[in-house]
Amino acid sequence: MDNSSPHPNPSNPHTIGSLTNCQRNITKGHIINSKTKSYGIFPSFDPLHQEFTPGQCISDIFPDRFSFNLVNKKEKNITHAQELNNLVLLNSSPSSAIVVTNASIKDNIATSIAHVHQADFPLIKTIHHAAFVTSSEAKLFAMRCGINQACCKDNISKIVVITDSIHSAKRIFDSSVHPLQSHSAAILSELRLFFNKSQDNSIEFWKCPSRLKWRFHKDVDKDTKSFKPTPSFSCKISWDYCRKTDSNDIIKQWKMRFQASDGKGNNFLDLVDNDFNTIKPLYIKGELWLQAFGHSNSLCARAT
């Protein structure tokens, strides 16, 4: 078997025939995206990890040890802020850890920060930087670091994670194939050990929107924006980030071509939602943009 590096293809340097053996192993497939950067992508998928084995998942074995607390959109900010304040008071014992996380991105460099609060102990801060990742990846990594710090403490029986990205937190327990699997697997491994220590150990996830400006979350948000790191070396990009840039390019092209098209207002009409805002292609939080007007069968039929 010939293990030598394949000869480069001058027409497209990213074809399967131009990849090294190492690059072929990373791609785990026979279809190569022509826009994949030559310096590689982060390993994001790990569907065969033992944490995703059917019947052995955390959600199967410990279904009552974790919970999510969302925000009622009709609820006033001051009411939800008071709920979070009460949450802190209820978990002010040394056996509880409150993990407040956030992340921000500037000039394609993400700053992920977690503050770990525990009564009678100094505040623990974790700070990490990454280039060419999405906000969802950066925020989930902040949770990963905070949960890791809390699980390392022997006297902790309850972990409370407060984040403005609850949809990223839910990815932790999602056993389907998704780009955040590597982080999910790492967090699940930590939680499995944490839950096995005692039947009383549990974790809760609470949403805290940035607009709320709740004091603890505001401190983390301020820290994420206080750093101005500059990458010293060439960086790989994440799979999700690559898809995001491709999606942005496609949406920009769609908008430009549609605006210049003679069919606008004739064969193709502007679609509006319930608030009469123009509906545009969207991929935020991994959702299909068609879902923006899926409430109406006739409207969806006109679009498709």
Protein backbone atom coordinates (compact mmCIF):
# COMPACT_ATOMS: atom_id res chain seq x y z
CA MET A 1 0.00 0.00 0.00
CA ASP A 2 1.41 3.39 -1.00
CA ASN A 3 1.61 5.69 2.06
CA SER A 4 3.29 8.55 0.26
CA SER A 5 1.68 11.97 0.18
CA PRO A 6 -0.62 12.44 -2.81
CA HIS A 7 0.38 14.80 -5.58
CA PRO A 8 -1.29 18.21 -5.40
CA ASN A 9 -4.03 19.04 -7.84
CA PRO A 10 -3.28 22.42 -9.44
CA SER A 11 -6.96 23.04 -10.26
CA ASN A 12 -8.23 22.52 -6.73
CA PRO A 13 -5.79 21.99 -3.81
CA HIS A 14 -8.63 20.73 -1.59
CA THR A 15 -9.73 17.68 -3.59
CA ILE A 16 -9.49 14.26 -1.94
CA GLY A 17 -6.52 13.37 -4.12
CA SER A 18 -4.47 16.33 -2.89
CA LEU A 19 -4.83 15.66 0.85
CA THR A 20 -2.18 14.05 3.01
CA ASN A 21 -2.99 10.84 4.88
CA CYS A 22 -3.38 12.83 8.09
CA GLN A 23 -5.83 15.25 6.44
CA ARG A 24 -7.82 12.33 5.02
CA ASN A 25 -8.20 10.84 8.49
CA ILE A 26 -9.46 14.16 9.86
CA THR A 27 -12.09 14.61 7.16
CA LYS A 28 -13.56 11.11 7.76
CA GLY A 29 -15.29 11.13 4.42
CA HIS A 30 -14.93 11.23 0.62
CA ILE A 31 -16.52 14.64 -0.02
CA ILE A 32 -14.25 17.63 0.53
CA ASN A 33 -15.62 21.17 0.69
CA SER A 34 -13.72 23.27 -1.82
CA LYS A 35 -13.70 26.18 0.64
CA THR A 36 -12.09 24.22 3.48
CA LYS A 37 -9.01 26.19 4.48
CA SER A 38 -5.65 24.55 3.82
CA TYR A 39 -4.59 24.91 7.45
CA GLY A 40 -7.36 22.55 8.54
CA ILE A 41 -10.40 22.55 10.81
CA PHE A 42 -10.98 21.65 14.43
CA PRO A 43 -12.13 18.07 15.12
CA SER A 44 -15.74 18.80 16.06
CA PHE A 45 -17.62 15.54 15.57
CA ASP A 46 -17.33 12.48 17.77
CA PRO A 47 -20.54 10.44 17.24
CA LEU A 48 -18.97 7.16 18.41
CA HIS A 49 -17.92 8.51 21.80
CA GLN A 50 -19.08 6.28 24.66
CA GLU A 51 -21.07 9.17 26.15
CA PHE A 52 -23.47 8.95 23.18
CA THR A 53 -24.04 5.18 23.41
CA PRO A 54 -27.82 4.47 23.43
CA GLY A 55 -29.00 3.39 26.85
CA GLN A 56 -25.79 4.60 28.49
CA CYS A 57 -26.26 8.34 27.96
CA ILE A 58 -26.49 10.72 30.92
CA SER A 59 -30.06 11.51 29.90
CA ASP A 60 -30.92 7.78 30.12
CA ILE A 61 -29.16 6.99 33.40
CA PHE A 62 -29.59 10.28 35.31
CA PRO A 63 -32.69 11.93 33.77
CA ASP A 64 -33.65 13.67 37.04
CA ARG A 65 -30.20 15.08 37.84
CA PHE A 66 -30.23 17.99 35.37
CA SER A 67 -32.77 20.66 34.46
CA PHE A 68 -33.19 23.81 32.37
CA ASN A 69 -34.89 26.99 33.51
CA LEU A 70 -35.91 29.32 30.70
CA VAL A 71 -37.13 32.90 30.68
CA ASN A 72 -40.77 33.77 30.25
CA LYS A 73 -40.71 36.43 27.51
CA LYS A 74 -43.80 38.03 29.00
CA GLU A 75 -42.08 38.35 32.36
CA LYS A 76 -40.57 41.72 33.26
CA ASN A 77 -36.80 42.00 33.55
CA ILE A 78 -36.96 43.04 37.19
CA THR A 79 -38.98 39.92 38.02
CA HIS A 80 -36.48 37.56 36.42
CA ALA A 81 -33.57 39.42 38.03
CA GLN A 82 -35.20 38.88 41.41
CA GLU A 83 -35.57 35.16 40.62
CA LEU A 84 -31.83 34.97 39.95
CA ASN A 85 -31.07 36.85 43.17
CA ASN A 86 -33.25 34.40 45.09
CA LEU A 87 -31.45 31.55 43.34
CA VAL A 88 -28.11 32.84 44.62
CA LEU A 89 -29.47 33.10 48.18
CA LEU A 90 -30.87 29.57 48.07
CA ASN A 91 -27.50 28.22 46.92
CA SER A 92 -25.28 30.23 49.25
CA SER A 93 -23.99 27.17 51.11
CA PRO A 94 -20.45 25.81 50.58
CA SER A 95 -21.95 22.68 48.99
CA SER A 96 -23.24 24.66 45.99
CA ALA A 97 -21.29 26.16 43.09
CA ILE A 98 -22.74 28.93 40.92
CA VAL A 99 -21.10 29.04 37.50
CA VAL A 100 -21.72 32.23 35.51
CA THR A 101 -20.45 32.13 31.93
CA ASN A 102 -20.29 34.24 28.81
CA ALA A 103 -18.19 34.78 25.69
CA SER A 104 -17.65 37.54 23.16
CA ILE A 105 -16.00 37.69 19.75
CA LYS A 106 -14.02 40.58 18.32
CA ASP A 107 -11.99 40.48 15.12
CA ASN A 108 -12.65 36.72 14.88
CA ILE A 109 -11.05 36.09 18.30
CA ALA A 110 -13.33 34.67 20.99
CA THR A 111 -12.90 35.22 24.72
CA SER A 112 -14.63 32.61 26.91
CA ILE A 113 -14.89 33.34 30.64
CA ALA A 114 -16.46 31.51 33.57
CA HIS A 115 -16.82 32.78 37.14
CA VAL A 116 -17.28 30.05 39.75
CA HIS A 117 -18.87 31.31 42.98
CA GLN A 118 -18.80 29.22 46.16
CA ALA A 119 -19.60 30.43 49.67
CA ASP A 120 -16.55 30.86 51.94
CA PHE A 121 -14.19 30.34 49.00
CA PRO A 122 -12.39 32.81 46.69
CA LEU A 123 -13.90 33.50 43.28
CA ILE A 124 -12.49 31.24 40.54
CA LYS A 125 -12.10 32.67 37.04
CA THR A 126 -11.30 30.75 33.86
CA ILE A 127 -10.27 32.72 30.77
CA HIS A 128 -9.60 31.22 27.34
CA HIS A 129 -9.16 32.62 23.85
CA ALA A 130 -9.80 30.96 20.50
CA ALA A 131 -9.67 32.18 16.91
CA PHE A 132 -12.17 31.44 14.15
CA VAL A 133 -14.96 29.87 16.23
CA THR A 134 -18.65 30.69 16.51
CA SER A 135 -20.28 32.31 19.53
CA SER A 136 -22.10 29.05 20.34
CA GLU A 137 -18.79 27.17 20.49
CA ALA A 138 -17.15 29.86 22.61
CA LYS A 139 -20.06 29.97 25.08
CA LEU A 140 -20.27 26.19 25.38
CA PHE A 141 -16.53 26.06 26.01
CA ALA A 142 -16.94 28.62 28.81
CA MET A 143 -19.55 26.31 30.39
CA ARG A 144 -17.20 23.36 29.94
CA CYS A 145 -14.43 25.15 31.84
CA GLY A 146 -16.74 26.33 34.62
CA ILE A 147 -18.34 22.90 35.10
CA ASN A 148 -14.88 21.32 35.14
CA GLN A 149 -13.80 23.62 37.97
CA ALA A 150 -16.97 22.91 39.98
CA CYS A 151 -16.74 19.13 39.51
CA CYS A 152 -13.15 19.11 40.74
CA LYS A 153 -14.30 20.20 44.21
CA ASP A 154 -15.02 17.34 46.59
CA ASN A 155 -17.68 19.09 48.70
CA ILE A 156 -19.95 20.27 45.87
CA SER A 157 -23.34 18.58 45.55
CA LYS A 158 -25.14 21.11 43.36
CA ILE A 159 -23.95 23.09 40.34
CA VAL A 160 -25.94 26.01 38.98
CA VAL A 161 -24.91 27.25 35.53
CA ILE A 162 -26.15 30.71 34.55
CA THR A 163 -25.74 31.60 30.88
CA ASP A 164 -27.33 33.70 28.15
CA SER A 165 -26.96 30.80 25.69
CA ILE A 166 -29.33 28.13 26.96
CA HIS A 167 -29.61 26.59 23.47
CA SER A 168 -25.86 25.83 23.63
CA ALA A 169 -26.32 24.29 27.08
CA LYS A 170 -29.00 21.96 25.72
CA ARG A 171 -26.50 20.69 23.16
CA ILE A 172 -24.61 19.04 26.03
CA PHE A 173 -27.31 16.37 26.34
CA ASP A 174 -28.01 16.10 22.61
CA SER A 175 -26.78 12.67 21.45
CA SER A 176 -27.42 13.39 17.76
CA VAL A 177 -24.59 14.38 15.42
CA HIS A 178 -23.78 18.09 15.77
CA PRO A 179 -20.64 20.28 15.52
CA LEU A 180 -20.37 20.77 19.31
CA GLN A 181 -19.99 17.07 20.10
CA SER A 182 -16.39 17.27 21.28
CA HIS A 183 -17.37 19.76 23.99
CA SER A 184 -20.52 17.83 24.84
CA ALA A 185 -18.57 14.59 25.33
CA ALA A 186 -16.04 16.27 27.62
CA ILE A 187 -18.77 17.86 29.77
CA LEU A 188 -20.79 14.63 29.94
CA SER A 189 -17.72 12.71 31.12
CA GLU A 190 -17.27 15.22 33.95
CA LEU A 191 -20.94 15.08 34.90
CA ARG A 192 -20.98 11.27 34.87
CA LEU A 193 -18.21 11.23 37.50
CA PHE A 194 -19.98 14.00 39.43
CA PHE A 195 -23.33 12.16 39.47
CA ASN A 196 -21.70 8.87 40.44
CA LYS A 197 -20.17 10.45 43.55
CA SER A 198 -23.54 10.85 45.22
CA GLN A 199 -27.19 10.33 44.36
CA ASP A 200 -27.86 13.86 45.64
CA ASN A 201 -25.55 15.56 43.13
CA SER A 202 -27.32 17.61 40.46
CA ILE A 203 -26.87 20.44 37.98
CA GLU A 204 -29.23 23.21 36.87
CA PHE A 205 -29.02 25.54 33.88
CA TRP A 206 -30.59 29.00 34.13
CA LYS A 207 -30.95 31.48 31.32
CA CYS A 208 -29.88 35.06 31.92
CA PRO A 209 -30.32 37.28 28.84
CA SER A 210 -27.63 39.94 28.45
CA ARG A 211 -30.34 42.62 28.26
CA LEU A 212 -31.19 41.82 31.87
CA LYS A 213 -27.81 43.21 33.01
CA TRP A 214 -27.95 41.02 36.10
CA ARG A 215 -24.97 41.86 38.34
CA PHE A 216 -23.05 38.57 38.24
CA HIS A 217 -23.57 38.03 34.52
CA LYS A 218 -22.77 41.68 33.84
CA ASP A 219 -19.37 41.21 35.54
CA VAL A 220 -18.54 38.26 33.28
CA ASP A 221 -19.75 40.11 30.19
CA LYS A 222 -17.54 43.05 31.11
CA ASP A 223 -14.52 40.76 31.50
CA THR A 224 -15.05 39.15 28.09
CA LYS A 225 -14.90 42.54 26.41
CA SER A 226 -11.88 43.83 28.33
CA PHE A 227 -9.36 41.63 26.49
CA LYS A 228 -7.81 42.47 23.14
CA PRO A 229 -5.76 39.37 22.27
CA THR A 230 -3.75 39.08 19.08
CA PRO A 231 -3.00 35.61 17.65
CA SER A 232 0.73 34.91 17.41
CA PHE A 233 0.48 31.86 15.16
CA SER A 234 -1.63 30.75 12.25
CA CYS A 235 -4.85 29.20 13.55
CA LYS A 236 -7.16 26.42 12.49
CA ILE A 237 -10.85 27.16 12.11
CA SER A 238 -13.81 25.26 13.48
CA TRP A 239 -16.23 23.39 11.23
CA ASP A 240 -19.09 25.54 12.49
CA TYR A 241 -17.18 28.74 11.74
CA CYS A 242 -16.45 27.56 8.21
CA ARG A 243 -20.16 26.84 7.68
CA LYS A 244 -21.05 30.22 9.14
CA THR A 245 -18.80 32.13 6.74
CA ASP A 246 -20.12 30.11 3.81
CA SER A 247 -23.72 30.76 4.89
CA ASN A 248 -23.05 34.49 5.25
CA ASP A 249 -21.57 34.58 1.74
CA ILE A 250 -24.58 32.74 0.30
CA ILE A 251 -27.06 35.05 2.05
CA LYS A 252 -25.20 38.16 0.84
CA GLN A 253 -25.24 36.86 -2.73
CA TRP A 254 -28.94 36.01 -2.44
CA LYS A 255 -29.76 39.51 -1.22
CA MET A 256 -27.72 41.20 -3.94
CA ARG A 257 -29.18 39.09 -6.76
CA PHE A 258 -32.73 39.39 -5.47
CA GLN A 259 -32.50 43.17 -5.09
CA ALA A 260 -31.27 43.45 -8.68
CA SER A 261 -33.79 40.96 -10.03
CA ASP A 262 -36.68 42.05 -12.25
CA GLY A 263 -38.82 39.46 -10.52
CA LYS A 264 -38.91 41.29 -7.19
CA GLY A 265 -42.41 42.64 -6.65
CA ASN A 266 -43.74 40.64 -9.59
CA ASN A 267 -42.96 36.94 -9.70
CA PHE A 268 -41.38 37.10 -6.24
CA LEU A 269 -42.97 39.11 -3.46
CA ASP A 270 -41.56 40.22 -0.12
CA LEU A 271 -42.76 37.94 2.67
CA VAL A 272 -43.50 39.37 6.11
CA ASP A 273 -43.94 37.78 9.53
CA ASN A 274 -46.69 38.47 12.08
CA ASP A 275 -45.04 41.79 12.97
CA PHE A 276 -44.85 42.81 9.28
CA ASN A 277 -41.05 42.52 9.21
CA THR A 278 -39.52 41.29 5.95
CA ILE A 279 -38.49 37.63 6.21
CA LYS A 280 -34.93 36.93 5.11
CA PRO A 281 -32.81 33.75 4.98
CA LEU A 282 -31.59 32.88 8.47
CA TYR A 283 -29.58 30.13 10.17
CA ILE A 284 -29.31 31.50 13.74
CA LYS A 285 -29.12 28.82 16.47
CA GLY A 286 -29.02 26.09 13.85
CA GLU A 287 -32.60 26.63 12.75
CA LEU A 288 -33.95 26.67 9.21
CA TRP A 289 -34.96 30.09 7.99
CA LEU A 290 -38.15 28.64 6.56
CA GLN A 291 -39.36 28.13 10.14
CA ALA A 292 -39.78 31.89 10.40
CA PHE A 293 -43.06 31.63 8.50
CA GLY A 294 -43.96 27.99 9.12
CA HIS A 295 -47.00 29.16 11.07
CA SER A 296 -48.86 29.58 7.79
CA ASN A 297 -49.24 26.66 5.38
CA SER A 298 -50.26 28.91 2.49
CA LEU A 299 -47.32 31.25 3.10
CA CYS A 300 -44.89 28.35 3.32
CA ALA A 301 -46.30 26.92 0.08
CA ARG A 302 -45.74 30.23 -1.71
CA ALA A 303 -42.12 30.29 -0.54
CA THR A 304 -41.31 26.73 -1.53
